[in-house]
C-alpha atoms as a PDB file:
ATOM      1  CA  MET A   1     -15.666  67.438 -51.707  1.00  0.00           C
ATOM      2  CA  ARG A   2     -12.377  68.207 -50.217  1.00  0.00           C
ATOM      3  CA  GLY A   3     -12.253  65.384 -47.543  1.00  0.00           C
ATOM      4  CA  GLY A   4     -10.231  62.290 -47.567  1.00  0.00           C
ATOM      5  CA  THR A   5     -12.927  59.780 -47.851  1.00  0.00           C
ATOM      6  CA  LEU A   6     -15.288  60.973 -50.520  1.00  0.00           C
ATOM      7  CA  PRO A   7     -13.014  61.698 -53.348  1.00  0.00           C
ATOM      8  CA  PRO A   8     -11.416  58.361 -53.243  1.00  0.00           C
ATOM      9  CA  ALA A   9     -14.584  56.625 -52.400  1.00  0.00           C
ATOM     10  CA  ILE A  10     -16.052  58.087 -55.742  1.00  0.00           C
ATOM     11  CA  LEU A  11     -12.847  57.013 -57.680  1.00  0.00           C
ATOM     12  CA  CYS A  12     -13.308  53.313 -56.438  1.00  0.00           C
ATOM     13  CA  ALA A  13     -17.074  53.375 -57.353  1.00  0.00           C
ATOM     14  CA  ALA A  14     -15.900  54.447 -61.141  1.00  0.00           C
ATOM     15  CA  LEU A  15     -13.457  51.747 -61.044  1.00  0.00           C
ATOM     16  CA  ALA A  16     -16.090  49.402 -60.026  1.00  0.00           C
ATOM     17  CA  PHE A  17     -18.381  50.554 -62.816  1.00  0.00           C
ATOM     18  CA  MET A  18     -15.228  50.117 -65.274  1.00  0.00           C
ATOM     19  CA  LEU A  19     -14.691  46.751 -64.176  1.00  0.00           C
ATOM     20  CA  VAL A  20     -18.194  45.674 -65.073  1.00  0.00           C
ATOM     21  CA  PHE A  21     -17.008  46.048 -68.779  1.00  0.00           C
ATOM     22  CA  ALA A  22     -13.620  44.222 -68.400  1.00  0.00           C
ATOM     23  CA  PRO A  23     -13.305  40.571 -68.228  1.00  0.00           C
ATOM     24  CA  ARG A  24     -14.066  38.537 -65.255  1.00  0.00           C
ATOM     25  CA  ARG A  25     -10.498  37.431 -64.890  1.00  0.00           C
ATOM     26  CA  ALA A  26      -9.390  41.185 -64.450  1.00  0.00           C
ATOM     27  CA  ILE A  27     -11.593  41.781 -61.427  1.00  0.00           C
ATOM     28  CA  GLY A  28      -9.520  40.266 -58.760  1.00  0.00           C
ATOM     29  CA  PRO A  29      -5.846  41.649 -59.785  1.00  0.00           C
ATOM     30  CA  THR A  30      -7.387  45.129 -60.606  1.00  0.00           C
ATOM     31  CA  ILE A  31      -8.853  45.438 -57.015  1.00  0.00           C
ATOM     32  CA  GLY A  32      -5.745  43.978 -55.363  1.00  0.00           C
ATOM     33  CA  LEU A  33      -3.532  46.512 -57.489  1.00  0.00           C
ATOM     34  CA  LEU A  34      -6.016  49.243 -56.435  1.00  0.00           C
ATOM     35  CA  ALA A  35      -5.720  48.305 -52.614  1.00  0.00           C
ATOM     36  CA  ALA A  36      -1.903  47.916 -52.818  1.00  0.00           C
ATOM     37  CA  ALA A  37      -1.446  51.320 -54.802  1.00  0.00           C
ATOM     38  CA  LEU A  38      -3.717  52.979 -52.321  1.00  0.00           C
ATOM     39  CA  LEU A  39      -2.114  51.862 -49.209  1.00  0.00           C
ATOM     40  CA  ILE A  40       1.436  52.545 -50.394  1.00  0.00           C
ATOM     41  CA  ALA A  41       0.369  56.110 -51.831  1.00  0.00           C
ATOM     42  CA  SER A  42      -1.639  56.952 -48.582  1.00  0.00           C
ATOM     43  CA  VAL A  43       1.682  56.495 -46.447  1.00  0.00           C
ATOM     44  CA  LEU A  44       4.078  58.289 -48.788  1.00  0.00           C
ATOM     45  CA  PRO A  45       5.312  61.781 -48.106  1.00  0.00           C
ATOM     46  CA  TRP A  46       3.786  63.936 -50.697  1.00  0.00           C
ATOM     47  CA  PRO A  47       4.808  67.592 -50.758  1.00  0.00           C
ATOM     48  CA  HIS A  48       2.426  69.762 -48.854  1.00  0.00           C
ATOM     49  CA  GLY A  49       1.989  72.327 -51.749  1.00  0.00           C
ATOM     50  CA  TRP A  50       0.306  69.531 -53.814  1.00  0.00           C
ATOM     51  CA  MET A  51      -2.964  69.460 -52.461  1.00  0.00           C
ATOM     52  CA  GLU A  52      -4.680  71.355 -55.419  1.00  0.00           C
ATOM     53  CA  ILE A  53      -2.693  69.000 -57.864  1.00  0.00           C
ATOM     54  CA  VAL A  54      -3.631  66.082 -55.844  1.00  0.00           C
ATOM     55  CA  PHE A  55      -7.486  66.698 -55.936  1.00  0.00           C
ATOM     56  CA  ILE A  56      -7.499  67.606 -59.479  1.00  0.00           C
ATOM     57  CA  GLY A  57      -5.596  64.463 -60.304  1.00  0.00           C
ATOM     58  CA  CYS A  58      -8.095  62.545 -58.252  1.00  0.00           C
ATOM     59  CA  TRP A  59     -10.894  64.099 -60.064  1.00  0.00           C
ATOM     60  CA  ALA A  60      -9.344  63.758 -63.497  1.00  0.00           C
ATOM     61  CA  SER A  61      -8.855  60.083 -62.602  1.00  0.00           C
ATOM     62  CA  VAL A  62     -12.612  59.651 -61.738  1.00  0.00           C
ATOM     63  CA  VAL A  63     -13.572  61.058 -65.242  1.00  0.00           C
ATOM     64  CA  VAL A  64     -11.185  58.963 -67.097  1.00  0.00           C
ATOM     65  CA  THR A  65     -12.057  55.679 -65.318  1.00  0.00           C
ATOM     66  CA  ALA A  66     -15.573  56.331 -65.574  1.00  0.00           C
ATOM     67  CA  LEU A  67     -15.625  57.304 -69.465  1.00  0.00           C
ATOM     68  CA  LEU A  68     -13.824  53.830 -70.040  1.00  0.00           C
ATOM     69  CA  VAL A  69     -17.236  52.096 -69.641  1.00  0.00           C
ATOM     70  CA  HIS A  70     -18.213  53.550 -73.111  1.00  0.00           C
ATOM     71  CA  LEU A  71     -15.090  51.743 -74.913  1.00  0.00           C
ATOM     72  CA  PRO A  72     -16.380  49.682 -77.849  1.00  0.00           C
ATOM     73  CA  GLY A  73     -15.841  46.143 -77.074  1.00  0.00           C
ATOM     74  CA  GLY A  74     -15.262  46.383 -73.469  1.00  0.00           C
ATOM     75  CA  VAL A  75     -12.376  47.130 -71.319  1.00  0.00           C
ATOM     76  CA  PRO A  76      -9.052  45.140 -72.054  1.00  0.00           C
ATOM     77  CA  VAL A  77      -7.243  43.367 -69.186  1.00  0.00           C
ATOM     78  CA  THR A  78      -4.329  45.645 -69.591  1.00  0.00           C
ATOM     79  CA  LEU A  79      -6.234  48.807 -69.388  1.00  0.00           C
ATOM     80  CA  ALA A  80      -8.117  47.708 -66.402  1.00  0.00           C
ATOM     81  CA  LEU A  81      -4.915  46.893 -64.442  1.00  0.00           C
ATOM     82  CA  ILE A  82      -3.623  50.448 -65.392  1.00  0.00           C
ATOM     83  CA  ALA A  83      -6.828  51.806 -64.198  1.00  0.00           C
ATOM     84  CA  GLY A  84      -6.486  50.053 -61.053  1.00  0.00           C
ATOM     85  CA  ILE A  85      -3.062  51.343 -60.243  1.00  0.00           C
ATOM     86  CA  ASN A  86      -3.839  54.612 -61.362  1.00  0.00           C
ATOM     87  CA  ALA A  87      -6.951  54.840 -59.213  1.00  0.00           C
ATOM     88  CA  GLY A  88      -4.962  53.703 -56.273  1.00  0.00           C
ATOM     89  CA  VAL A  89      -2.327  56.165 -56.681  1.00  0.00           C
ATOM     90  CA  TRP A  90      -4.657  59.154 -56.945  1.00  0.00           C
ATOM     91  CA  ALA A  91      -7.083  57.872 -54.007  1.00  0.00           C
ATOM     92  CA  GLY A  92      -3.753  57.223 -51.845  1.00  0.00           C
ATOM     93  CA  ALA A  93      -2.399  60.820 -52.518  1.00  0.00           C
ATOM     94  CA  THR A  94      -5.594  62.097 -51.739  1.00  0.00           C
ATOM     95  CA  ILE A  95      -5.777  60.306 -48.343  1.00  0.00           C
ATOM     96  CA  ALA A  96      -2.319  61.213 -47.723  1.00  0.00           C
ATOM     97  CA  GLU A  97      -2.842  65.166 -48.210  1.00  0.00           C
ATOM     98  CA  ALA A  98      -6.417  65.369 -46.570  1.00  0.00           C
ATOM     99  CA  GLY A  99      -7.219  62.291 -44.501  1.00  0.00           C
ATOM    100  CA  SER A 100      -5.977  59.148 -42.546  1.00  0.00           C
ATOM    101  CA  LEU A 101      -5.750  55.474 -43.094  1.00  0.00           C
ATOM    102  CA  ALA A 102      -9.420  55.253 -41.765  1.00  0.00           C
ATOM    103  CA  ASP A 103     -10.547  56.991 -44.835  1.00  0.00           C
ATOM    104  CA  ALA A 104      -8.878  54.378 -47.073  1.00  0.00           C
ATOM    105  CA  ALA A 105     -10.884  51.921 -44.890  1.00  0.00           C
ATOM    106  CA  ARG A 106     -14.061  53.766 -45.746  1.00  0.00           C
ATOM    107  CA  ALA A 107     -13.276  54.289 -49.546  1.00  0.00           C
ATOM    108  CA  LEU A 108     -12.099  50.684 -50.476  1.00  0.00           C
ATOM    109  CA  PRO A 109     -15.381  48.906 -50.232  1.00  0.00           C
ATOM    110  CA  CYS A 110     -17.033  51.224 -52.703  1.00  0.00           C
ATOM    111  CA  VAL A 111     -15.041  49.019 -55.478  1.00  0.00           C
ATOM    112  CA  LEU A 112     -17.411  46.142 -54.444  1.00  0.00           C
ATOM    113  CA  LEU A 113     -20.250  48.052 -56.454  1.00  0.00           C
ATOM    114  CA  VAL A 114     -18.661  46.010 -59.191  1.00  0.00           C
ATOM    115  CA  LEU A 115     -20.883  42.869 -57.940  1.00  0.00           C
ATOM    116  CA  PRO A 116     -24.316  44.514 -58.116  1.00  0.00           C
ATOM    117  CA  ALA A 117     -23.316  46.534 -61.207  1.00  0.00           C
ATOM    118  CA  ARG A 118     -22.139  43.182 -62.979  1.00  0.00           C
ATOM    119  CA  TRP A 119     -25.450  41.576 -61.875  1.00  0.00           C
ATOM    120  CA  LEU A 120     -27.244  44.390 -63.446  1.00  0.00           C
ATOM    121  CA  ALA A 121     -25.293  44.245 -66.693  1.00  0.00           C
ATOM    122  CA  ALA A 122     -25.801  40.375 -66.739  1.00  0.00           C
ATOM    123  CA  ARG A 123     -29.567  41.102 -66.804  1.00  0.00           C
ATOM    124  CA  GLY A 124     -29.310  43.244 -69.810  1.00  0.00           C
ATOM    125  CA  ALA A 125     -29.478  46.675 -67.728  1.00  0.00           C
ATOM    126  CA  SER A 126     -25.735  47.501 -68.522  1.00  0.00           C
ATOM    127  CA  VAL A 127     -27.165  51.013 -69.571  1.00  0.00           C
ATOM    128  CA  ALA A 128     -27.877  51.625 -65.882  1.00  0.00           C
ATOM    129  CA  VAL A 129     -24.402  51.280 -65.124  1.00  0.00           C
ATOM    130  CA  LYS A 130     -23.246  53.488 -67.903  1.00  0.00           C
ATOM    131  CA  VAL A 131     -25.700  56.223 -66.528  1.00  0.00           C
ATOM    132  CA  ALA A 132     -24.306  55.885 -62.993  1.00  0.00           C
ATOM    133  CA  SER A 133     -20.785  56.250 -64.277  1.00  0.00           C
ATOM    134  CA  SER A 134     -21.624  59.175 -66.339  1.00  0.00           C
ATOM    135  CA  TRP A 135     -23.134  60.534 -63.208  1.00  0.00           C
ATOM    136  CA  LEU A 136     -19.777  60.331 -61.458  1.00  0.00           C
ATOM    137  CA  VAL A 137     -18.136  62.074 -64.539  1.00  0.00           C
ATOM    138  CA  ALA A 138     -20.604  65.012 -64.003  1.00  0.00           C
ATOM    139  CA  VAL A 139     -19.855  64.826 -60.174  1.00  0.00           C
ATOM    140  CA  ALA A 140     -16.124  64.953 -60.704  1.00  0.00           C
ATOM    141  CA  ILE A 141     -16.097  68.049 -63.336  1.00  0.00           C
ATOM    142  CA  LEU A 142     -18.169  69.667 -60.788  1.00  0.00           C
ATOM    143  CA  ALA A 143     -16.032  68.878 -58.004  1.00  0.00           C
ATOM    144  CA  ALA A 144     -12.857  69.770 -59.853  1.00  0.00           C
ATOM    145  CA  THR A 145     -14.094  73.084 -61.173  1.00  0.00           C
ATOM    146  CA  LEU A 146     -16.100  74.651 -58.410  1.00  0.00           C
ATOM    147  CA  PRO A 147     -13.054  75.707 -56.286  1.00  0.00           C
ATOM    148  CA  ILE A 148     -11.345  77.410 -59.256  1.00  0.00           C
ATOM    149  CA  VAL A 149     -14.409  79.121 -60.785  1.00  0.00           C
ATOM    150  CA  PRO A 150     -15.815  82.098 -59.223  1.00  0.00           C
ATOM    151  CA  THR A 151     -19.220  81.304 -58.064  1.00  0.00           C
ATOM    152  CA  PRO A 152     -21.577  83.134 -55.452  1.00  0.00           C
ATOM    153  CA  GLY A 153     -21.122  82.017 -52.137  1.00  0.00           C
ATOM    154  CA  TYR A 154     -17.478  80.667 -52.615  1.00  0.00           C
ATOM    155  CA  VAL A 155     -15.953  84.083 -53.248  1.00  0.00           C
ATOM    156  CA  PRO A 156     -16.222  87.253 -51.177  1.00  0.00           C
ATOM    157  CA  ASP A 157     -18.954  89.449 -52.109  1.00  0.00           C
ATOM    158  CA  HIS A 158     -18.314  92.822 -53.195  1.00  0.00           C
ATOM    159  CA  MET A 159     -20.639  94.190 -50.741  1.00  0.00           C
ATOM    160  CA  GLU A 160     -18.616  93.000 -47.674  1.00  0.00           C
END
């Protein structure tokens, strides 16, 4: 879960699920801001000692973005735009620290999950989108905490 493609792809998927509960007019501008922020952040020179901060920030953004699906009354346009910029910055920073621009090309299409997710929601199955979004929260929490929590298989054994 430390590569340059998977964390940004999961963040783009979380943004896609959040956009299901935003007004239709917010979808295009939010995806545009996501792409612009991702591309700009992925070419910026990030400090090399920030790798852990960048990954924690990316996973925290997945959690916050995915939890926005549970806002009563949906996601306001302004919040959707801010979430798009936030997702782009953290996804771009992750790519800058641990990947290449090819990773951006693999991660960005995940935001197109908004199309089948909106189709599901239009047919009364918005709970499926919320469940998938909650699953992303669980994955992000696990990915963020696994490197810091001593877990068998990730730390040297006392018998070695």
